[in-house]
């Protein structure tokens, strides 16, 4: 008989993960974006925190990402305005934004006159929150309604269980 290990702990909203686990997850060939419902809930929540005079100052911004294909190495490169520069070791990626799923084959992407792939802009790929003296919280969405969070101030990475876990972390640390 095989045993199934359950990863979700319904008593925890978020859990600390290693930088290695964070990097392994973020290197996936499945790309997830904030959909309009996530974005609206996060904006409403963060704006309510900003109105609290006892909270520290912060600002937030949803960031777009740029995806392009490296024909020579047969891999995708994904960058954003935060600091993300990840290589996806696959010639096929899937972009998920809510109910919209798009599968992209790098070998079939349109090329410019110099032979490079045309960039694909992925809207609302990540969330950047800057606070305090130039500290950042960086959030990306991943499979199964999980959110990955990197807090520069604490130099720690977290995996948040669903949107409620992300909001709980932000409420406790901002």
C-alpha atoms as a PDB file:
ATOM      1  CA  UNK A   1       0.000   0.000   0.000  1.00  0.00           C
ATOM      2  CA  UNK A   2       1.292   3.439  -0.922  1.00  0.00           C
ATOM      3  CA  UNK A   3       1.156   6.278   1.558  1.00  0.00           C
ATOM      4  CA  UNK A   4       0.208   9.754   0.485  1.00  0.00           C
ATOM      5  CA  UNK A   5       1.947  12.647   2.191  1.00  0.00           C
ATOM      6  CA  UNK A   6      -0.285  15.666   2.579  1.00  0.00           C
ATOM      7  CA  UNK A   7       1.561  18.946   2.261  1.00  0.00           C
ATOM      8  CA  UNK A   8      -1.138  21.318   3.404  1.00  0.00           C
ATOM      9  CA  UNK A   9      -1.371  22.085   7.073  1.00  0.00           C
ATOM     10  CA  UNK A  10      -4.730  23.736   7.609  1.00  0.00           C
ATOM     11  CA  UNK A  11      -3.578  25.292  10.871  1.00  0.00           C
ATOM     12  CA  UNK A  12      -0.853  27.368   9.209  1.00  0.00           C
ATOM     13  CA  UNK A  13      -1.427  30.247   6.839  1.00  0.00           C
ATOM     14  CA  UNK A  14       2.208  30.366   5.743  1.00  0.00           C
ATOM     15  CA  UNK A  15       5.430  28.533   6.420  1.00  0.00           C
ATOM     16  CA  UNK A  16       9.078  29.356   6.062  1.00  0.00           C
ATOM     17  CA  UNK A  17      10.853  27.541   3.233  1.00  0.00           C
ATOM     18  CA  UNK A  18      14.509  27.293   2.259  1.00  0.00           C
ATOM     19  CA  UNK A  19      15.976  29.461  -0.470  1.00  0.00           C
ATOM     20  CA  UNK A  20      16.626  26.269  -2.418  1.00  0.00           C
ATOM     21  CA  UNK A  21      12.964  25.238  -2.286  1.00  0.00           C
ATOM     22  CA  UNK A  22      11.958  28.785  -3.265  1.00  0.00           C
ATOM     23  CA  UNK A  23      14.277  28.717  -6.283  1.00  0.00           C
ATOM     24  CA  UNK A  24      13.121  25.232  -7.318  1.00  0.00           C
ATOM     25  CA  UNK A  25       9.498  26.360  -7.322  1.00  0.00           C
ATOM     26  CA  UNK A  26      10.151  29.638  -9.111  1.00  0.00           C
ATOM     27  CA  UNK A  27      12.101  27.858 -11.900  1.00  0.00           C
ATOM     28  CA  UNK A  28       8.953  25.992 -12.975  1.00  0.00           C
ATOM     29  CA  UNK A  29       7.820  26.009 -16.599  1.00  0.00           C
ATOM     30  CA  UNK A  30       4.351  26.958 -15.363  1.00  0.00           C
ATOM     31  CA  UNK A  31       3.963  30.703 -14.898  1.00  0.00           C
ATOM     32  CA  UNK A  32       1.138  32.018 -12.726  1.00  0.00           C
ATOM     33  CA  UNK A  33      -0.074  35.619 -12.621  1.00  0.00           C
ATOM     34  CA  UNK A  34      -2.329  37.509 -10.273  1.00  0.00           C
ATOM     35  CA  UNK A  35      -5.830  37.409 -11.704  1.00  0.00           C
ATOM     36  CA  UNK A  36      -8.306  40.265 -11.333  1.00  0.00           C
ATOM     37  CA  UNK A  37      -9.847  38.727  -8.192  1.00  0.00           C
ATOM     38  CA  UNK A  38      -6.484  38.273  -6.433  1.00  0.00           C
ATOM     39  CA  UNK A  39      -5.431  41.760  -7.422  1.00  0.00           C
ATOM     40  CA  UNK A  40      -8.654  43.379  -6.226  1.00  0.00           C
ATOM     41  CA  UNK A  41      -8.574  41.555  -2.862  1.00  0.00           C
ATOM     42  CA  UNK A  42      -4.901  42.415  -2.283  1.00  0.00           C
ATOM     43  CA  UNK A  43      -5.379  46.070  -3.224  1.00  0.00           C
ATOM     44  CA  UNK A  44      -8.406  46.383  -0.937  1.00  0.00           C
ATOM     45  CA  UNK A  45      -6.508  44.736   1.929  1.00  0.00           C
ATOM     46  CA  UNK A  46      -3.301  46.756   1.515  1.00  0.00           C
ATOM     47  CA  UNK A  47      -5.214  50.017   1.173  1.00  0.00           C
ATOM     48  CA  UNK A  48      -7.008  49.253   4.452  1.00  0.00           C
ATOM     49  CA  UNK A  49      -3.619  48.717   6.138  1.00  0.00           C
ATOM     50  CA  UNK A  50      -2.331  52.018   4.766  1.00  0.00           C
ATOM     51  CA  UNK A  51      -5.187  53.810   6.525  1.00  0.00           C
ATOM     52  CA  UNK A  52      -3.993  52.502   9.908  1.00  0.00           C
ATOM     53  CA  UNK A  53      -1.791  55.228  11.489  1.00  0.00           C
ATOM     54  CA  UNK A  54      -0.050  52.663  13.723  1.00  0.00           C
ATOM     55  CA  UNK A  55       1.395  50.797  10.752  1.00  0.00           C
ATOM     56  CA  UNK A  56       4.739  51.507   9.122  1.00  0.00           C
ATOM     57  CA  UNK A  57       4.849  53.300   5.791  1.00  0.00           C
ATOM     58  CA  UNK A  58       4.765  51.117   2.688  1.00  0.00           C
ATOM     59  CA  UNK A  59       3.787  51.209  -0.954  1.00  0.00           C
ATOM     60  CA  UNK A  60       3.014  48.439  -3.364  1.00  0.00           C
ATOM     61  CA  UNK A  61       2.984  47.802  -7.075  1.00  0.00           C
ATOM     62  CA  UNK A  62       2.008  44.908  -9.302  1.00  0.00           C
ATOM     63  CA  UNK A  63       4.814  44.233 -11.770  1.00  0.00           C
ATOM     64  CA  UNK A  64       4.711  42.941 -15.305  1.00  0.00           C
ATOM     65  CA  UNK A  65       7.302  40.448 -16.511  1.00  0.00           C
ATOM     66  CA  UNK A  66       9.062  40.033 -19.830  1.00  0.00           C
ATOM     67  CA  UNK A  67       9.363  36.556 -21.328  1.00  0.00           C
ATOM     68  CA  UNK A  68      11.627  35.803 -24.261  1.00  0.00           C
ATOM     69  CA  UNK A  69      13.082  32.687 -25.826  1.00  0.00           C
ATOM     70  CA  UNK A  70      16.801  31.964 -26.216  1.00  0.00           C
ATOM     71  CA  UNK A  71      16.994  29.926 -29.434  1.00  0.00           C
ATOM     72  CA  UNK A  72      20.660  29.068 -28.973  1.00  0.00           C
ATOM     73  CA  UNK A  73      20.215  27.483 -25.519  1.00  0.00           C
ATOM     74  CA  UNK A  74      16.572  26.430 -26.060  1.00  0.00           C
ATOM     75  CA  UNK A  75      15.276  27.979 -22.878  1.00  0.00           C
ATOM     76  CA  UNK A  76      13.064  30.848 -21.781  1.00  0.00           C
ATOM     77  CA  UNK A  77      14.224  33.833 -19.785  1.00  0.00           C
ATOM     78  CA  UNK A  78      11.806  35.671 -17.506  1.00  0.00           C
ATOM     79  CA  UNK A  79      12.605  39.080 -16.004  1.00  0.00           C
ATOM     80  CA  UNK A  80      10.709  41.773 -14.140  1.00  0.00           C
ATOM     81  CA  UNK A  81      11.388  45.187 -12.598  1.00  0.00           C
ATOM     82  CA  UNK A  82      12.106  43.750  -9.155  1.00  0.00           C
ATOM     83  CA  UNK A  83      15.181  41.631  -9.522  1.00  0.00           C
ATOM     84  CA  UNK A  84      13.880  38.459 -11.035  1.00  0.00           C
ATOM     85  CA  UNK A  85      15.920  36.921 -13.803  1.00  0.00           C
ATOM     86  CA  UNK A  86      15.059  33.271 -14.122  1.00  0.00           C
ATOM     87  CA  UNK A  87      15.826  30.779 -16.811  1.00  0.00           C
ATOM     88  CA  UNK A  88      13.190  28.181 -17.531  1.00  0.00           C
ATOM     89  CA  UNK A  89      14.918  25.058 -18.772  1.00  0.00           C
ATOM     90  CA  UNK A  90      12.235  24.120 -21.237  1.00  0.00           C
ATOM     91  CA  UNK A  91      11.238  25.125 -24.735  1.00  0.00           C
ATOM     92  CA  UNK A  92       7.551  25.138 -23.724  1.00  0.00           C
ATOM     93  CA  UNK A  93       5.948  27.228 -20.959  1.00  0.00           C
ATOM     94  CA  UNK A  94       2.398  27.598 -19.731  1.00  0.00           C
ATOM     95  CA  UNK A  95       1.091  30.969 -18.565  1.00  0.00           C
ATOM     96  CA  UNK A  96      -1.863  30.834 -16.150  1.00  0.00           C
ATOM     97  CA  UNK A  97      -3.943  33.887 -15.325  1.00  0.00           C
ATOM     98  CA  UNK A  98      -7.203  32.909 -13.679  1.00  0.00           C
ATOM     99  CA  UNK A  99      -9.219  30.872 -16.158  1.00  0.00           C
ATOM    100  CA  UNK A 100      -6.994  31.930 -19.046  1.00  0.00           C
ATOM    101  CA  UNK A 101      -4.236  29.420 -19.852  1.00  0.00           C
ATOM    102  CA  UNK A 102      -1.763  29.958 -22.677  1.00  0.00           C
ATOM    103  CA  UNK A 103       0.826  27.388 -23.790  1.00  0.00           C
ATOM    104  CA  UNK A 104       3.846  28.803 -25.623  1.00  0.00           C
ATOM    105  CA  UNK A 105       6.348  26.815 -27.659  1.00  0.00           C
ATOM    106  CA  UNK A 106       9.579  28.775 -27.877  1.00  0.00           C
ATOM    107  CA  UNK A 107      10.600  27.178 -31.165  1.00  0.00           C
ATOM    108  CA  UNK A 108       7.407  28.546 -32.748  1.00  0.00           C
ATOM    109  CA  UNK A 109       7.661  32.094 -31.375  1.00  0.00           C
ATOM    110  CA  UNK A 110       7.822  34.975 -33.779  1.00  0.00           C
ATOM    111  CA  UNK A 111      11.323  36.368 -34.382  1.00  0.00           C
ATOM    112  CA  UNK A 112      12.442  39.912 -34.949  1.00  0.00           C
ATOM    113  CA  UNK A 113      14.733  40.961 -37.828  1.00  0.00           C
ATOM    114  CA  UNK A 114      17.844  40.020 -35.797  1.00  0.00           C
ATOM    115  CA  UNK A 115      16.602  36.485 -35.115  1.00  0.00           C
ATOM    116  CA  UNK A 116      15.581  37.036 -31.509  1.00  0.00           C
ATOM    117  CA  UNK A 117      12.158  36.136 -30.172  1.00  0.00           C
ATOM    118  CA  UNK A 118       9.580  38.867 -29.765  1.00  0.00           C
ATOM    119  CA  UNK A 119       9.072  39.587 -26.066  1.00  0.00           C
ATOM    120  CA  UNK A 120       5.857  38.545 -24.413  1.00  0.00           C
ATOM    121  CA  UNK A 121       4.686  40.867 -21.644  1.00  0.00           C
ATOM    122  CA  UNK A 122       3.053  39.021 -18.757  1.00  0.00           C
ATOM    123  CA  UNK A 123       0.830  41.456 -16.876  1.00  0.00           C
ATOM    124  CA  UNK A 124       0.545  41.335 -13.074  1.00  0.00           C
ATOM    125  CA  UNK A 125       3.210  38.662 -12.740  1.00  0.00           C
ATOM    126  CA  UNK A 126       4.414  39.718  -9.295  1.00  0.00           C
ATOM    127  CA  UNK A 127       3.763  42.074  -6.394  1.00  0.00           C
ATOM    128  CA  UNK A 128       6.427  44.293  -4.878  1.00  0.00           C
ATOM    129  CA  UNK A 129       5.914  45.986  -1.521  1.00  0.00           C
ATOM    130  CA  UNK A 130       8.576  48.354  -0.294  1.00  0.00           C
ATOM    131  CA  UNK A 131       8.620  49.443   3.322  1.00  0.00           C
ATOM    132  CA  UNK A 132      10.886  50.857   5.992  1.00  0.00           C
ATOM    133  CA  UNK A 133      14.386  51.818   4.898  1.00  0.00           C
ATOM    134  CA  UNK A 134      14.416  50.255   1.425  1.00  0.00           C
ATOM    135  CA  UNK A 135      13.211  46.774   2.349  1.00  0.00           C
ATOM    136  CA  UNK A 136      11.071  44.776  -0.019  1.00  0.00           C
ATOM    137  CA  UNK A 137       8.566  41.997   0.071  1.00  0.00           C
ATOM    138  CA  UNK A 138       8.314  40.243  -3.272  1.00  0.00           C
ATOM    139  CA  UNK A 139       5.352  37.969  -4.017  1.00  0.00           C
ATOM    140  CA  UNK A 140       4.640  35.595  -6.883  1.00  0.00           C
ATOM    141  CA  UNK A 141       1.800  33.179  -7.416  1.00  0.00           C
ATOM    142  CA  UNK A 142       2.381  29.487  -8.039  1.00  0.00           C
ATOM    143  CA  UNK A 143       0.555  26.194  -8.509  1.00  0.00           C
ATOM    144  CA  UNK A 144      -2.425  25.175  -6.362  1.00  0.00           C
ATOM    145  CA  UNK A 145      -3.238  28.698  -5.148  1.00  0.00           C
ATOM    146  CA  UNK A 146       0.042  29.025  -3.250  1.00  0.00           C
ATOM    147  CA  UNK A 147       1.990  32.259  -3.096  1.00  0.00           C
ATOM    148  CA  UNK A 148       5.757  32.551  -2.750  1.00  0.00           C
ATOM    149  CA  UNK A 149       7.058  35.428  -0.695  1.00  0.00           C
ATOM    150  CA  UNK A 150      10.583  36.742  -0.285  1.00  0.00           C
ATOM    151  CA  UNK A 151      11.195  39.283   2.477  1.00  0.00           C
ATOM    152  CA  UNK A 152      14.481  41.152   1.959  1.00  0.00           C
ATOM    153  CA  UNK A 153      14.488  42.602   5.459  1.00  0.00           C
ATOM    154  CA  UNK A 154      14.272  39.202   7.146  1.00  0.00           C
ATOM    155  CA  UNK A 155      16.211  37.494   4.340  1.00  0.00           C
ATOM    156  CA  UNK A 156      13.631  34.738   4.480  1.00  0.00           C
ATOM    157  CA  UNK A 157      11.328  33.042   2.027  1.00  0.00           C
ATOM    158  CA  UNK A 158       7.816  31.783   2.692  1.00  0.00           C
ATOM    159  CA  UNK A 159       5.131  29.725   1.035  1.00  0.00           C
ATOM    160  CA  UNK A 160       1.670  31.110   1.769  1.00  0.00           C
ATOM    161  CA  UNK A 161      -1.370  28.847   1.597  1.00  0.00           C
ATOM    162  CA  UNK A 162      -3.874  30.544  -0.675  1.00  0.00           C
ATOM    163  CA  UNK A 163      -4.707  34.226  -0.670  1.00  0.00           C
ATOM    164  CA  UNK A 164      -5.715  34.100   3.009  1.00  0.00           C
ATOM    165  CA  UNK A 165      -2.195  32.979   3.941  1.00  0.00           C
ATOM    166  CA  UNK A 166      -0.609  35.814   1.993  1.00  0.00           C
ATOM    167  CA  UNK A 167      -2.904  38.400   3.583  1.00  0.00           C
ATOM    168  CA  UNK A 168      -2.209  36.963   7.061  1.00  0.00           C
ATOM    169  CA  UNK A 169       1.555  37.305   6.510  1.00  0.00           C
ATOM    170  CA  UNK A 170       1.199  40.884   5.286  1.00  0.00           C
ATOM    171  CA  UNK A 171      -1.047  41.808   8.202  1.00  0.00           C
ATOM    172  CA  UNK A 172       1.483  40.450  10.702  1.00  0.00           C
ATOM    173  CA  UNK A 173       4.647  41.862   9.151  1.00  0.00           C
ATOM    174  CA  UNK A 174       3.650  45.246   7.724  1.00  0.00           C
END
